Amino acid sequence: MPDNGHHAPAADASRLSKLNVPAELHQRARAAVRIVRRVTGRRYTIAQFVTEAFVAQLAVIARDYNGGREIYPDTEPLERGRG
């Protein structure tokens, strides 16, 4: 959420990735962004939402599966597949 004191690292716009997510999930995220904008009156973007979601899930995985240690970037592509 905006201005909660925890800020995700700024993304380098020249190095953004593209992911495919289910349309309904994307639509729900878009609705959530609109709710934040309406309630707070602040600028809030889908990119902010996605970045915050990634940071939050990385924290969960670090805690639950990586002994609380930070997860560092891995540039090796994952095997292809659909979840």
Protein backbone atom coordinates (compact mmCIF):
# COMPACT_ATOMS: atom_id res chain seq x y z
CA MET A 1 0.00 0.00 0.00
CA PRO A 2 1.19 3.52 -0.57
CA ASP A 3 3.05 5.36 2.18
CA ASN A 4 3.17 2.50 4.65
CA GLY A 5 6.83 3.17 5.38
CA HIS A 6 8.00 0.15 3.38
CA HIS A 7 9.08 1.11 -0.09
CA ALA A 8 9.95 -1.41 -2.76
CA PRO A 9 13.14 -0.79 -4.71
CA ALA A 10 12.61 1.36 -7.77
CA ALA A 11 12.63 -0.60 -10.99
CA ASP A 12 15.03 0.37 -13.75
CA ALA A 13 12.59 1.12 -16.57
CA SER A 14 15.07 -0.12 -19.17
CA ARG A 15 15.16 -3.54 -17.51
CA LEU A 16 11.51 -4.38 -16.95
CA SER A 17 10.23 -7.90 -17.46
CA LYS A 18 6.96 -9.06 -18.93
CA LEU A 19 4.87 -11.75 -17.29
CA ASN A 20 1.65 -13.44 -18.29
CA VAL A 21 -0.94 -13.63 -15.53
CA PRO A 22 -4.53 -14.84 -15.69
CA ALA A 23 -6.81 -12.05 -16.96
CA GLU A 24 -9.10 -12.26 -13.93
CA LEU A 25 -6.17 -11.80 -11.56
CA HIS A 26 -4.96 -8.79 -13.55
CA GLN A 27 -8.47 -7.33 -13.49
CA ARG A 28 -8.71 -7.76 -9.71
CA ALA A 29 -5.34 -6.07 -9.28
CA ARG A 30 -6.55 -3.19 -11.47
CA ALA A 31 -9.66 -2.90 -9.28
CA ALA A 32 -7.47 -2.84 -6.17
CA VAL A 33 -5.38 -0.01 -7.66
CA ARG A 34 -8.54 1.98 -8.32
CA ILE A 35 -9.70 1.42 -4.73
CA VAL A 36 -6.40 2.72 -3.34
CA ARG A 37 -6.60 5.77 -5.62
CA ARG A 38 -10.20 6.48 -4.63
CA VAL A 39 -9.71 6.02 -0.89
CA THR A 40 -6.35 7.78 -0.57
CA GLY A 41 -6.57 10.32 -3.38
CA ARG A 42 -2.97 9.44 -4.19
CA ARG A 43 -1.33 8.35 -7.39
CA TYR A 44 -0.95 4.57 -7.34
CA THR A 45 -0.06 2.43 -10.34
CA ILE A 46 -0.41 -1.18 -11.35
CA ALA A 47 3.41 -1.30 -11.46
CA GLN A 48 3.53 -0.22 -7.80
CA PHE A 49 0.97 -2.88 -6.94
CA VAL A 50 2.90 -5.63 -8.73
CA THR A 51 6.24 -4.55 -7.25
CA GLU A 52 4.78 -4.50 -3.73
CA ALA A 53 3.21 -7.93 -4.28
CA PHE A 54 6.54 -9.35 -5.46
CA VAL A 55 8.41 -7.85 -2.50
CA ALA A 56 5.82 -9.23 -0.06
CA GLN A 57 5.93 -12.74 -1.56
CA LEU A 58 9.74 -12.71 -1.66
CA ALA A 59 9.70 -11.94 2.08
CA VAL A 60 7.35 -14.88 2.73
CA ILE A 61 9.48 -17.28 0.70
CA ALA A 62 12.70 -16.02 2.30
CA ARG A 63 11.17 -16.58 5.74
CA ASP A 64 9.51 -19.93 5.06
CA TYR A 65 11.96 -21.61 2.67
CA ASN A 66 15.28 -19.77 2.80
CA GLY A 67 16.01 -19.58 6.52
CA GLY A 68 15.10 -15.91 6.65
CA ARG A 69 17.94 -15.05 4.28
CA GLU A 70 17.50 -12.54 1.46
CA ILE A 71 16.80 -13.97 -1.97
CA TYR A 72 19.29 -12.74 -4.55
CA PRO A 73 18.65 -12.32 -8.28
CA ASP A 74 18.92 -15.40 -10.48
CA THR A 75 19.34 -14.71 -14.19
CA GLU A 76 19.06 -18.35 -15.28
CA PRO A 77 15.75 -18.83 -17.14
CA LEU A 78 13.21 -21.16 -15.55
CA GLU A 79 11.95 -24.15 -17.47
CA ARG A 80 8.86 -23.29 -19.46
CA GLY A 81 5.49 -24.29 -18.16
CA ARG A 82 2.09 -23.15 -17.13
CA GLY A 83 1.00 -23.08 -13.50
